[in-house]
C-alpha atoms as a PDB file:
ATOM      1  CA  MET A   1     -64.146 -33.736  24.773  1.00  0.00           C
ATOM      2  CA  LYS A   2     -63.482 -36.993  23.160  1.00  0.00           C
ATOM      3  CA  PRO A   3     -62.216 -36.724  19.423  1.00  0.00           C
ATOM      4  CA  THR A   4     -65.286 -37.671  16.715  1.00  0.00           C
ATOM      5  CA  VAL A   5     -65.117 -40.336  13.392  1.00  0.00           C
ATOM      6  CA  ALA A   6     -67.418 -40.001  11.131  1.00  0.00           C
ATOM      7  CA  ILE A   7     -68.057 -42.608   9.087  1.00  0.00           C
ATOM      8  CA  VAL A   8     -69.398 -41.285   5.361  1.00  0.00           C
ATOM      9  CA  GLY A   9     -70.514 -42.681   1.976  1.00  0.00           C
ATOM     10  CA  ARG A  10     -73.375 -43.419  -0.391  1.00  0.00           C
ATOM     11  CA  SER A  11     -76.119 -45.817   0.544  1.00  0.00           C
ATOM     12  CA  ASN A  12     -75.261 -49.583   0.710  1.00  0.00           C
ATOM     13  CA  VAL A  13     -71.295 -49.317   1.220  1.00  0.00           C
ATOM     14  CA  GLY A  14     -71.592 -50.911   4.427  1.00  0.00           C
ATOM     15  CA  LYS A  15     -71.266 -47.894   6.937  1.00  0.00           C
ATOM     16  CA  SER A  16     -73.811 -49.380   9.652  1.00  0.00           C
ATOM     17  CA  THR A  17     -71.285 -52.949   9.166  1.00  0.00           C
ATOM     18  CA  LEU A  18     -68.232 -50.439  10.007  1.00  0.00           C
ATOM     19  CA  PHE A  19     -70.010 -48.740  12.802  1.00  0.00           C
ATOM     20  CA  ASN A  20     -70.974 -51.599  14.536  1.00  0.00           C
ATOM     21  CA  ARG A  21     -67.771 -53.517  14.323  1.00  0.00           C
ATOM     22  CA  LEU A  22     -65.611 -50.336  16.226  1.00  0.00           C
ATOM     23  CA  ALA A  23     -68.547 -49.969  18.193  1.00  0.00           C
ATOM     24  CA  ALA A  24     -68.222 -53.646  19.370  1.00  0.00           C
ATOM     25  CA  ARG A  25     -71.944 -53.767  19.547  1.00  0.00           C
ATOM     26  CA  ARG A  26     -75.025 -54.146  17.094  1.00  0.00           C
ATOM     27  CA  LYS A  27     -76.124 -50.504  17.470  1.00  0.00           C
ATOM     28  CA  ALA A  28     -77.248 -49.337  13.914  1.00  0.00           C
ATOM     29  CA  ILE A  29     -79.790 -51.690  11.786  1.00  0.00           C
ATOM     30  CA  VAL A  30     -78.084 -53.410   8.787  1.00  0.00           C
ATOM     31  CA  PHE A  31     -80.270 -53.970   6.026  1.00  0.00           C
ATOM     32  CA  SER A  32     -79.706 -54.605   2.209  1.00  0.00           C
ATOM     33  CA  GLU A  33     -82.391 -51.964   1.396  1.00  0.00           C
ATOM     34  CA  PRO A  34     -80.789 -48.501   0.514  1.00  0.00           C
ATOM     35  CA  GLY A  35     -81.496 -46.317   2.932  1.00  0.00           C
ATOM     36  CA  VAL A  36     -82.071 -47.844   6.204  1.00  0.00           C
ATOM     37  CA  THR A  37     -79.787 -45.551   8.117  1.00  0.00           C
ATOM     38  CA  ARG A  38     -81.316 -41.963   7.769  1.00  0.00           C
ATOM     39  CA  ASP A  39     -80.446 -39.909  11.324  1.00  0.00           C
ATOM     40  CA  ARG A  40     -77.061 -39.523  12.369  1.00  0.00           C
ATOM     41  CA  ILE A  41     -76.135 -42.329  14.782  1.00  0.00           C
ATOM     42  CA  TYR A  42     -73.439 -41.861  17.930  1.00  0.00           C
ATOM     43  CA  ALA A  43     -71.530 -44.354  20.101  1.00  0.00           C
ATOM     44  CA  GLU A  44     -69.110 -44.672  21.993  1.00  0.00           C
ATOM     45  CA  ALA A  45     -66.343 -47.107  20.695  1.00  0.00           C
ATOM     46  CA  ASN A  46     -62.903 -48.079  22.666  1.00  0.00           C
ATOM     47  CA  TRP A  47     -60.076 -49.286  19.949  1.00  0.00           C
ATOM     48  CA  GLN A  48     -56.256 -50.026  21.440  1.00  0.00           C
ATOM     49  CA  GLY A  49     -56.770 -48.047  24.854  1.00  0.00           C
ATOM     50  CA  LYS A  50     -58.406 -45.022  23.016  1.00  0.00           C
ATOM     51  CA  SER A  51     -61.665 -43.935  23.634  1.00  0.00           C
ATOM     52  CA  PHE A  52     -63.732 -41.452  20.706  1.00  0.00           C
ATOM     53  CA  LEU A  53     -66.900 -40.621  19.806  1.00  0.00           C
ATOM     54  CA  LEU A  54     -68.439 -42.859  16.252  1.00  0.00           C
ATOM     55  CA  ILE A  55     -70.810 -41.544  13.924  1.00  0.00           C
ATOM     56  CA  ASP A  56     -73.003 -43.359  11.776  1.00  0.00           C
ATOM     57  CA  THR A  57     -74.854 -41.249   8.405  1.00  0.00           C
ATOM     58  CA  GLY A  58     -77.141 -41.927   6.082  1.00  0.00           C
ATOM     59  CA  GLY A  59     -75.858 -42.765   2.492  1.00  0.00           C
ATOM     60  CA  TYR A  60     -75.475 -39.890   0.532  1.00  0.00           C
ATOM     61  CA  GLU A  61     -77.176 -39.812  -2.930  1.00  0.00           C
ATOM     62  CA  PRO A  62     -76.516 -36.034  -4.180  1.00  0.00           C
ATOM     63  CA  GLU A  63     -79.013 -36.695  -6.803  1.00  0.00           C
ATOM     64  CA  ALA A  64     -81.752 -37.880  -5.234  1.00  0.00           C
ATOM     65  CA  THR A  65     -84.745 -35.564  -4.479  1.00  0.00           C
ATOM     66  CA  ASP A  66     -87.082 -37.534  -2.447  1.00  0.00           C
ATOM     67  CA  GLU A  67     -87.154 -35.446   1.128  1.00  0.00           C
ATOM     68  CA  ILE A  68     -86.072 -38.386   2.654  1.00  0.00           C
ATOM     69  CA  PHE A  69     -82.796 -38.175   0.782  1.00  0.00           C
ATOM     70  CA  VAL A  70     -82.300 -34.527   1.003  1.00  0.00           C
ATOM     71  CA  LEU A  71     -82.797 -34.297   4.701  1.00  0.00           C
ATOM     72  CA  MET A  72     -79.840 -37.285   4.930  1.00  0.00           C
ATOM     73  CA  ARG A  73     -77.585 -35.301   2.577  1.00  0.00           C
ATOM     74  CA  GLU A  74     -77.778 -32.081   5.420  1.00  0.00           C
ATOM     75  CA  GLN A  75     -77.515 -35.255   8.557  1.00  0.00           C
ATOM     76  CA  THR A  76     -74.303 -36.145   6.324  1.00  0.00           C
ATOM     77  CA  ARG A  77     -73.240 -32.331   6.256  1.00  0.00           C
ATOM     78  CA  LEU A  78     -73.456 -32.214  10.081  1.00  0.00           C
ATOM     79  CA  ALA A  79     -71.390 -35.043  10.707  1.00  0.00           C
ATOM     80  CA  ILE A  80     -68.753 -34.130   8.332  1.00  0.00           C
ATOM     81  CA  GLU A  81     -68.727 -30.680  10.435  1.00  0.00           C
ATOM     82  CA  GLU A  82     -69.182 -32.441  13.933  1.00  0.00           C
ATOM     83  CA  ALA A  83     -66.307 -35.006  13.297  1.00  0.00           C
ATOM     84  CA  ASN A  84     -62.422 -34.791  13.826  1.00  0.00           C
ATOM     85  CA  VAL A  85     -61.614 -37.570  11.099  1.00  0.00           C
ATOM     86  CA  ILE A  86     -63.679 -38.810   8.672  1.00  0.00           C
ATOM     87  CA  LEU A  87     -63.631 -42.173   7.111  1.00  0.00           C
ATOM     88  CA  LEU A  88     -64.999 -41.986   3.882  1.00  0.00           C
ATOM     89  CA  LEU A  89     -66.349 -45.262   2.816  1.00  0.00           C
ATOM     90  CA  PHE A  90     -66.215 -47.071  -0.685  1.00  0.00           C
ATOM     91  CA  ASP A  91     -68.204 -50.569  -1.975  1.00  0.00           C
ATOM     92  CA  GLY A  92     -65.275 -51.978  -3.618  1.00  0.00           C
ATOM     93  CA  LYS A  93     -67.045 -54.476  -5.240  1.00  0.00           C
ATOM     94  CA  ALA A  94     -69.544 -52.078  -7.130  1.00  0.00           C
ATOM     95  CA  GLY A  95     -66.544 -49.674  -8.109  1.00  0.00           C
ATOM     96  CA  LEU A  96     -66.966 -46.338  -8.247  1.00  0.00           C
ATOM     97  CA  MET A  97     -69.857 -44.275  -8.713  1.00  0.00           C
ATOM     98  CA  PRO A  98     -70.976 -40.635  -9.829  1.00  0.00           C
ATOM     99  CA  GLN A  99     -72.306 -40.315  -6.002  1.00  0.00           C
ATOM    100  CA  ASP A 100     -69.031 -41.737  -4.847  1.00  0.00           C
ATOM    101  CA  ARG A 101     -66.965 -39.049  -6.766  1.00  0.00           C
ATOM    102  CA  GLU A 102     -69.171 -36.245  -5.983  1.00  0.00           C
ATOM    103  CA  LEU A 103     -68.566 -36.800  -2.033  1.00  0.00           C
ATOM    104  CA  ALA A 104     -65.321 -36.818  -2.531  1.00  0.00           C
ATOM    105  CA  SER A 105     -65.022 -33.776  -4.271  1.00  0.00           C
ATOM    106  CA  LEU A 106     -67.280 -32.312  -1.546  1.00  0.00           C
ATOM    107  CA  LEU A 107     -64.730 -33.767   0.841  1.00  0.00           C
ATOM    108  CA  ARG A 108     -61.635 -32.236  -0.379  1.00  0.00           C
ATOM    109  CA  GLU A 109     -62.934 -28.752   0.801  1.00  0.00           C
ATOM    110  CA  VAL A 110     -62.680 -30.019   4.336  1.00  0.00           C
ATOM    111  CA  ASP A 111     -59.662 -29.151   6.001  1.00  0.00           C
ATOM    112  CA  LYS A 112     -59.637 -32.416   8.359  1.00  0.00           C
ATOM    113  CA  PRO A 113     -57.960 -35.584   8.139  1.00  0.00           C
ATOM    114  CA  VAL A 114     -60.143 -38.253   5.380  1.00  0.00           C
ATOM    115  CA  PHE A 115     -59.432 -41.785   5.003  1.00  0.00           C
ATOM    116  CA  VAL A 116     -59.935 -43.460   1.542  1.00  0.00           C
ATOM    117  CA  VAL A 117     -61.662 -46.908   2.979  1.00  0.00           C
ATOM    118  CA  VAL A 118     -62.749 -49.326   0.415  1.00  0.00           C
ATOM    119  CA  ASN A 119     -65.106 -52.017   2.122  1.00  0.00           C
ATOM    120  CA  LYS A 120     -66.410 -55.685   0.901  1.00  0.00           C
ATOM    121  CA  ILE A 121     -62.662 -56.851   0.313  1.00  0.00           C
ATOM    122  CA  ASP A 122     -63.340 -59.614   1.326  1.00  0.00           C
ATOM    123  CA  ASN A 123     -60.486 -62.193   0.078  1.00  0.00           C
ATOM    124  CA  GLU A 124     -57.156 -61.880  -1.528  1.00  0.00           C
ATOM    125  CA  ARG A 125     -58.802 -62.077  -5.257  1.00  0.00           C
ATOM    126  CA  HIS A 126     -60.914 -58.946  -4.644  1.00  0.00           C
ATOM    127  CA  LYS A 127     -57.790 -56.508  -3.675  1.00  0.00           C
ATOM    128  CA  SER A 128     -57.488 -55.662  -7.182  1.00  0.00           C
ATOM    129  CA  TYR A 129     -60.764 -53.916  -7.023  1.00  0.00           C
ATOM    130  CA  ILE A 130     -59.311 -50.925  -4.980  1.00  0.00           C
ATOM    131  CA  ASN A 131     -57.528 -50.304  -8.206  1.00  0.00           C
ATOM    132  CA  GLU A 132     -59.676 -47.714  -9.611  1.00  0.00           C
ATOM    133  CA  PHE A 133     -59.956 -45.598  -6.699  1.00  0.00           C
ATOM    134  CA  TYR A 134     -56.539 -44.302  -6.852  1.00  0.00           C
ATOM    135  CA  GLU A 135     -57.825 -41.858  -9.404  1.00  0.00           C
ATOM    136  CA  LEU A 136     -59.545 -39.789  -6.681  1.00  0.00           C
ATOM    137  CA  GLY A 137     -56.082 -38.770  -5.638  1.00  0.00           C
ATOM    138  CA  ALA A 138     -55.777 -40.307  -2.356  1.00  0.00           C
ATOM    139  CA  GLU A 139     -51.669 -41.259  -1.451  1.00  0.00           C
ATOM    140  CA  LYS A 140     -52.930 -44.378   0.559  1.00  0.00           C
ATOM    141  CA  LEU A 141     -56.012 -46.492   0.469  1.00  0.00           C
ATOM    142  CA  TYR A 142     -57.019 -48.839   2.815  1.00  0.00           C
ATOM    143  CA  PRO A 143     -58.862 -52.216   1.728  1.00  0.00           C
ATOM    144  CA  ILE A 144     -60.998 -53.243   4.761  1.00  0.00           C
ATOM    145  CA  SER A 145     -64.284 -55.965   5.140  1.00  0.00           C
ATOM    146  CA  ALA A 146     -66.100 -54.513   7.469  1.00  0.00           C
ATOM    147  CA  LEU A 147     -68.165 -57.966   7.175  1.00  0.00           C
ATOM    148  CA  HIS A 148     -65.240 -60.484   8.302  1.00  0.00           C
ATOM    149  CA  GLY A 149     -63.192 -57.696  10.317  1.00  0.00           C
ATOM    150  CA  THR A 150     -60.280 -57.742   7.856  1.00  0.00           C
ATOM    151  CA  GLY A 151     -57.959 -54.419   7.337  1.00  0.00           C
ATOM    152  CA  ILE A 152     -59.945 -52.404  10.152  1.00  0.00           C
ATOM    153  CA  ASP A 153     -56.416 -53.094  12.875  1.00  0.00           C
ATOM    154  CA  GLU A 154     -54.379 -51.556  10.285  1.00  0.00           C
ATOM    155  CA  LEU A 155     -57.066 -48.566   9.386  1.00  0.00           C
ATOM    156  CA  MET A 156     -57.220 -48.021  13.186  1.00  0.00           C
ATOM    157  CA  GLU A 157     -54.080 -47.866  13.738  1.00  0.00           C
ATOM    158  CA  GLU A 158     -53.338 -45.115  11.118  1.00  0.00           C
ATOM    159  CA  VAL A 159     -56.200 -43.306  12.571  1.00  0.00           C
ATOM    160  CA  LEU A 160     -54.936 -43.400  16.407  1.00  0.00           C
ATOM    161  CA  LYS A 161     -51.806 -41.882  15.127  1.00  0.00           C
ATOM    162  CA  LEU A 162     -53.935 -38.577  15.108  1.00  0.00           C
ATOM    163  CA  PRO A 163     -52.703 -35.340  17.593  1.00  0.00           C
ATOM    164  CA  CYS A 164     -57.148 -35.744  18.810  1.00  0.00           C
ATOM    165  CA  PHE A 165     -56.612 -38.659  20.027  1.00  0.00           C
ATOM    166  CA  THR A 166     -55.803 -39.753  24.106  1.00  0.00           C
ATOM    167  CA  GLU A 167     -56.198 -42.225  26.534  1.00  0.00           C
ATOM    168  CA  ILE A 168     -59.183 -42.913  28.024  1.00  0.00           C
ATOM    169  CA  SER A 169     -60.589 -40.817  30.556  1.00  0.00           C
ATOM    170  CA  GLY A 170     -63.572 -42.731  31.644  1.00  0.00           C
ATOM    171  CA  GLU A 171     -67.336 -43.596  30.264  1.00  0.00           C
ATOM    172  CA  GLU A 172     -69.243 -40.138  30.487  1.00  0.00           C
ATOM    173  CA  GLU A 173     -72.543 -41.916  29.509  1.00  0.00           C
ATOM    174  CA  ASP A 174     -72.402 -44.702  31.725  1.00  0.00           C
ATOM    175  CA  ASN A 175     -73.219 -41.658  34.597  1.00  0.00           C
ATOM    176  CA  ALA A 176     -75.959 -40.558  32.704  1.00  0.00           C
ATOM    177  CA  ILE A 177     -79.786 -40.320  33.319  1.00  0.00           C
ATOM    178  CA  LYS A 178     -81.091 -42.136  29.817  1.00  0.00           C
ATOM    179  CA  ILE A 179     -84.672 -41.097  28.519  1.00  0.00           C
ATOM    180  CA  ALA A 180     -86.161 -42.974  25.871  1.00  0.00           C
ATOM    181  CA  VAL A 181     -89.009 -40.926  24.020  1.00  0.00           C
ATOM    182  CA  VAL A 182     -91.220 -43.895  22.904  1.00  0.00           C
ATOM    183  CA  GLY A 183     -94.741 -43.834  20.939  1.00  0.00           C
ATOM    184  CA  ARG A 184     -96.322 -44.848  18.042  1.00  0.00           C
ATOM    185  CA  PRO A 185     -95.667 -43.629  14.256  1.00  0.00           C
ATOM    186  CA  ASN A 186     -95.796 -39.515  13.774  1.00  0.00           C
ATOM    187  CA  VAL A 187     -96.666 -38.457  17.606  1.00  0.00           C
ATOM    188  CA  GLY A 188     -94.050 -35.979  16.957  1.00  0.00           C
ATOM    189  CA  LYS A 189     -91.290 -37.828  18.783  1.00  0.00           C
ATOM    190  CA  SER A 190     -88.827 -36.484  17.049  1.00  0.00           C
ATOM    191  CA  SER A 191     -90.281 -32.640  17.112  1.00  0.00           C
ATOM    192  CA  LEU A 192     -89.848 -33.293  20.753  1.00  0.00           C
ATOM    193  CA  ILE A 193     -86.130 -34.190  21.309  1.00  0.00           C
ATOM    194  CA  ASN A 194     -85.357 -31.186  18.604  1.00  0.00           C
ATOM    195  CA  ARG A 195     -87.567 -28.864  20.942  1.00  0.00           C
ATOM    196  CA  ILE A 196     -85.693 -30.028  24.439  1.00  0.00           C
ATOM    197  CA  LEU A 197     -82.221 -29.954  22.023  1.00  0.00           C
ATOM    198  CA  GLY A 198     -83.136 -26.103  21.023  1.00  0.00           C
ATOM    199  CA  TYR A 199     -81.888 -27.752  17.705  1.00  0.00           C
ATOM    200  CA  GLU A 200     -82.587 -30.025  14.364  1.00  0.00           C
ATOM    201  CA  ARG A 201     -80.748 -33.704  15.858  1.00  0.00           C
ATOM    202  CA  THR A 202     -83.259 -35.697  14.385  1.00  0.00           C
ATOM    203  CA  ILE A 203     -84.427 -35.877  11.068  1.00  0.00           C
ATOM    204  CA  VAL A 204     -88.195 -34.478  10.958  1.00  0.00           C
ATOM    205  CA  SER A 205     -90.589 -35.453   8.447  1.00  0.00           C
ATOM    206  CA  LYS A 206     -94.405 -36.266   8.077  1.00  0.00           C
ATOM    207  CA  ILE A 207     -93.885 -39.436   6.708  1.00  0.00           C
ATOM    208  CA  PRO A 208     -94.805 -41.932   8.693  1.00  0.00           C
ATOM    209  CA  GLY A 209     -91.504 -44.503  10.104  1.00  0.00           C
ATOM    210  CA  THR A 210     -89.174 -41.795   9.565  1.00  0.00           C
ATOM    211  CA  THR A 211     -86.949 -42.268  12.622  1.00  0.00           C
ATOM    212  CA  ARG A 212     -85.419 -46.088  12.052  1.00  0.00           C
ATOM    213  CA  ASP A 213     -82.883 -46.286  14.577  1.00  0.00           C
ATOM    214  CA  ALA A 214     -82.433 -45.421  18.228  1.00  0.00           C
ATOM    215  CA  ILE A 215     -80.830 -42.381  18.198  1.00  0.00           C
ATOM    216  CA  ASP A 216     -78.998 -41.726  21.463  1.00  0.00           C
ATOM    217  CA  THR A 217     -78.205 -37.625  22.197  1.00  0.00           C
ATOM    218  CA  PRO A 218     -76.083 -36.863  25.001  1.00  0.00           C
ATOM    219  CA  PHE A 219     -76.822 -33.501  26.520  1.00  0.00           C
ATOM    220  CA  THR A 220     -76.258 -31.552  30.029  1.00  0.00           C
ATOM    221  CA  LEU A 221     -78.381 -29.645  32.162  1.00  0.00           C
ATOM    222  CA  GLY A 222     -76.908 -27.464  34.818  1.00  0.00           C
ATOM    223  CA  ASP A 223     -74.522 -29.826  36.665  1.00  0.00           C
ATOM    224  CA  LYS A 224     -76.319 -33.353  35.173  1.00  0.00           C
ATOM    225  CA  LYS A 225     -75.713 -35.315  32.501  1.00  0.00           C
ATOM    226  CA  TYR A 226     -78.691 -36.951  30.158  1.00  0.00           C
ATOM    227  CA  VAL A 227     -79.085 -38.822  27.168  1.00  0.00           C
ATOM    228  CA  LEU A 228     -82.384 -38.617  25.104  1.00  0.00           C
ATOM    229  CA  ILE A 229     -83.030 -41.737  22.640  1.00  0.00           C
ATOM    230  CA  ASP A 230     -85.397 -41.074  20.107  1.00  0.00           C
ATOM    231  CA  THR A 231     -87.137 -44.378  19.035  1.00  0.00           C
ATOM    232  CA  ALA A 232     -88.970 -46.083  15.448  1.00  0.00           C
ATOM    233  CA  GLY A 233     -92.712 -45.389  16.593  1.00  0.00           C
ATOM    234  CA  ILE A 234     -94.042 -48.899  17.688  1.00  0.00           C
ATOM    235  CA  ARG A 235     -97.391 -50.336  15.824  1.00  0.00           C
ATOM    236  CA  ARG A 236     -99.645 -52.855  16.941  1.00  0.00           C
ATOM    237  CA  LYS A 237     -98.022 -56.562  16.453  1.00  0.00           C
ATOM    238  CA  SER A 238    -101.048 -57.113  14.036  1.00  0.00           C
ATOM    239  CA  LYS A 239     -99.805 -54.140  12.517  1.00  0.00           C
ATOM    240  CA  ILE A 240     -95.996 -55.150  11.906  1.00  0.00           C
ATOM    241  CA  SER A 241     -95.649 -56.576   8.288  1.00  0.00           C
ATOM    242  CA  LEU A 242     -92.144 -55.612   6.698  1.00  0.00           C
ATOM    243  CA  ILE A 243     -88.943 -57.300   8.404  1.00  0.00           C
ATOM    244  CA  LEU A 244     -87.015 -53.997   8.541  1.00  0.00           C
ATOM    245  CA  GLU A 245     -90.198 -52.333  10.416  1.00  0.00           C
ATOM    246  CA  LYS A 246     -89.460 -55.643  13.157  1.00  0.00           C
ATOM    247  CA  TYR A 247     -85.765 -54.654  13.460  1.00  0.00           C
ATOM    248  CA  CYS A 248     -86.997 -50.953  14.322  1.00  0.00           C
ATOM    249  CA  VAL A 249     -89.381 -51.953  16.672  1.00  0.00           C
ATOM    250  CA  VAL A 250     -86.920 -54.270  18.430  1.00  0.00           C
ATOM    251  CA  GLN A 251     -84.388 -51.052  18.172  1.00  0.00           C
ATOM    252  CA  ALA A 252     -86.947 -49.255  19.725  1.00  0.00           C
ATOM    253  CA  LEU A 253     -87.951 -51.865  23.030  1.00  0.00           C
ATOM    254  CA  LYS A 254     -84.201 -52.399  23.806  1.00  0.00           C
ATOM    255  CA  ALA A 255     -83.880 -48.354  24.119  1.00  0.00           C
ATOM    256  CA  ILE A 256     -86.841 -48.927  26.787  1.00  0.00           C
ATOM    257  CA  GLU A 257     -84.996 -51.783  28.567  1.00  0.00           C
ATOM    258  CA  ARG A 258     -82.051 -49.591  28.847  1.00  0.00           C
ATOM    259  CA  CYS A 259     -83.501 -46.229  29.555  1.00  0.00           C
ATOM    260  CA  ASP A 260     -83.766 -44.783  33.401  1.00  0.00           C
END
């Protein structure tokens, strides 16, 4: 089993941008609206000759009471449980927020390596932003710019020193049969995937448009390997109005192209 790295943090700190940077492809939707990523999103990643599984998570908003944010918190907790290593991401420009402190407090109870990463340090002037994050008690902070790629080599060099990382053993997903589940919004795509897998892999809600990213889930049945792909609901072109919804539909169409 490949080691797993989870990226966690409150909304809009740049988790999906970092995820796409590490995965070397645009798999997670990046948008300025909080709460765009909802389910856990997985990708195979290779860095300096080492292979691992990467998890993107939705924004952790401990005070939010909307059903979607409650379910997103549960998805973040599941990612933390699954991961061997956690990248706790902050927004250096916005500074330390109450949600940041609460998530940091939660992770102190976790017996796993946690790297405190301060994002949006886009130039030398911004480096002073990281100072207030030392109050979290971390021995070392990792300033990065997920957008420009600076600081990420230094971060990953430290992550890859952990004993759970091994040399690449081959791309397991390449040989798997990929099955995409598609349909219009709210027809039960996520419920079907959860039933096939036998556990709550994706967020299920009566709110249309709950699934936004195309979500890959590898699983094995007998001696066969499969990847189930949950997708956003696809409506007629005339009914698609929001830019974000257009992004979601593009992701769903790409999932159809790459499935078997």
